[in-house]
Amino acid sequence: MKVQELRQLTPKKLQEELKKAQRELAGVRFHVKTGQNQNHAQIKKLKTSVARILTLLAESSRKNIPLASQEKQS
């Protein structure tokens, strides 16, 4: 999925996409190790997808937390 598509998802849907991508990555790694799949590039693509989703989840969690400097002023 592209970043623009991922940004439109809710955090709950992002968590689901993350689990799906991680499961798929584990499966592809297994198939590459056992010789059933020779497509090593697919691992890189899946790792990138996982990193994108984790980044978006971190961004969304930071938006919900007030900054420390704002708390002191209140």
Protein backbone atom coordinates (compact mmCIF):
# COMPACT_ATOMS: atom_id res chain seq x y z
CA MET A 1 0.00 0.00 0.00
CA LYS A 2 1.09 3.54 -0.65
CA VAL A 3 1.60 6.04 2.16
CA GLN A 4 -1.33 8.16 0.99
CA GLU A 5 -3.63 5.16 1.24
CA LEU A 6 -2.27 4.22 4.65
CA ARG A 7 -2.73 7.74 6.03
CA GLN A 8 -6.46 7.48 5.41
CA LEU A 9 -6.79 4.39 7.62
CA THR A 10 -7.67 4.49 11.29
CA PRO A 11 -5.05 3.35 13.83
CA LYS A 12 -7.04 0.14 14.35
CA LYS A 13 -6.96 -0.62 10.60
CA LEU A 14 -3.24 0.22 10.55
CA GLN A 15 -2.68 -2.35 13.30
CA GLU A 16 -4.52 -4.93 11.21
CA GLU A 17 -2.43 -4.07 8.14
CA LEU A 18 0.72 -4.32 10.26
CA LYS A 19 -0.16 -7.81 11.48
CA LYS A 20 -1.02 -8.86 7.94
CA ALA A 21 2.28 -7.54 6.56
CA GLN A 22 4.29 -9.16 9.36
CA ARG A 23 2.61 -12.53 8.78
CA GLU A 24 3.26 -12.27 5.06
CA LEU A 25 6.90 -11.33 5.71
CA ALA A 26 7.37 -14.34 7.97
CA GLY A 27 5.86 -16.60 5.32
CA VAL A 28 8.05 -15.22 2.55
CA ARG A 29 11.16 -15.54 4.72
CA PHE A 30 10.27 -19.15 5.41
CA HIS A 31 9.73 -19.91 1.72
CA VAL A 32 13.02 -18.28 0.76
CA LYS A 33 14.93 -20.22 3.43
CA THR A 34 13.40 -23.52 2.38
CA GLY A 35 14.06 -22.81 -1.29
CA GLN A 36 10.40 -22.69 -2.30
CA ASN A 37 10.69 -19.05 -3.35
CA GLN A 38 13.64 -17.32 -5.01
CA ASN A 39 12.20 -13.80 -4.90
CA HIS A 40 14.43 -12.09 -2.32
CA ALA A 41 13.21 -8.63 -3.40
CA GLN A 42 9.80 -9.41 -1.95
CA ILE A 43 11.33 -9.48 1.54
CA LYS A 44 12.65 -5.94 1.10
CA LYS A 45 9.27 -4.69 -0.11
CA LEU A 46 7.48 -6.23 2.86
CA LYS A 47 10.02 -4.86 5.35
CA THR A 48 9.51 -1.41 3.85
CA SER A 49 5.74 -1.78 4.20
CA VAL A 50 6.09 -2.78 7.85
CA ALA A 51 8.35 0.22 8.51
CA ARG A 52 5.88 2.59 6.81
CA ILE A 53 3.01 1.34 8.92
CA LEU A 54 5.03 1.55 12.13
CA THR A 55 6.05 5.11 11.27
CA LEU A 56 2.45 6.15 10.69
CA LEU A 57 1.36 4.54 13.95
CA ALA A 58 4.12 6.41 15.81
CA GLU A 59 3.09 9.68 14.18
CA SER A 60 -0.54 9.19 15.12
CA SER A 61 0.35 8.37 18.73
CA ARG A 62 2.53 11.48 18.99
CA LYS A 63 -0.31 13.69 17.77
CA ASN A 64 -2.48 12.56 20.69
CA ILE A 65 0.14 13.34 23.34
CA PRO A 66 0.47 17.01 24.37
CA LEU A 67 3.95 18.47 24.19
CA ALA A 68 5.79 18.95 27.48
CA SER A 69 6.27 22.68 26.85
CA GLN A 70 2.51 23.14 26.44
CA GLU A 71 1.79 21.41 29.75
CA LYS A 72 4.09 23.75 31.70
CA GLN A 73 2.42 26.84 30.30
CA SER A 74 -1.07 25.74 31.37
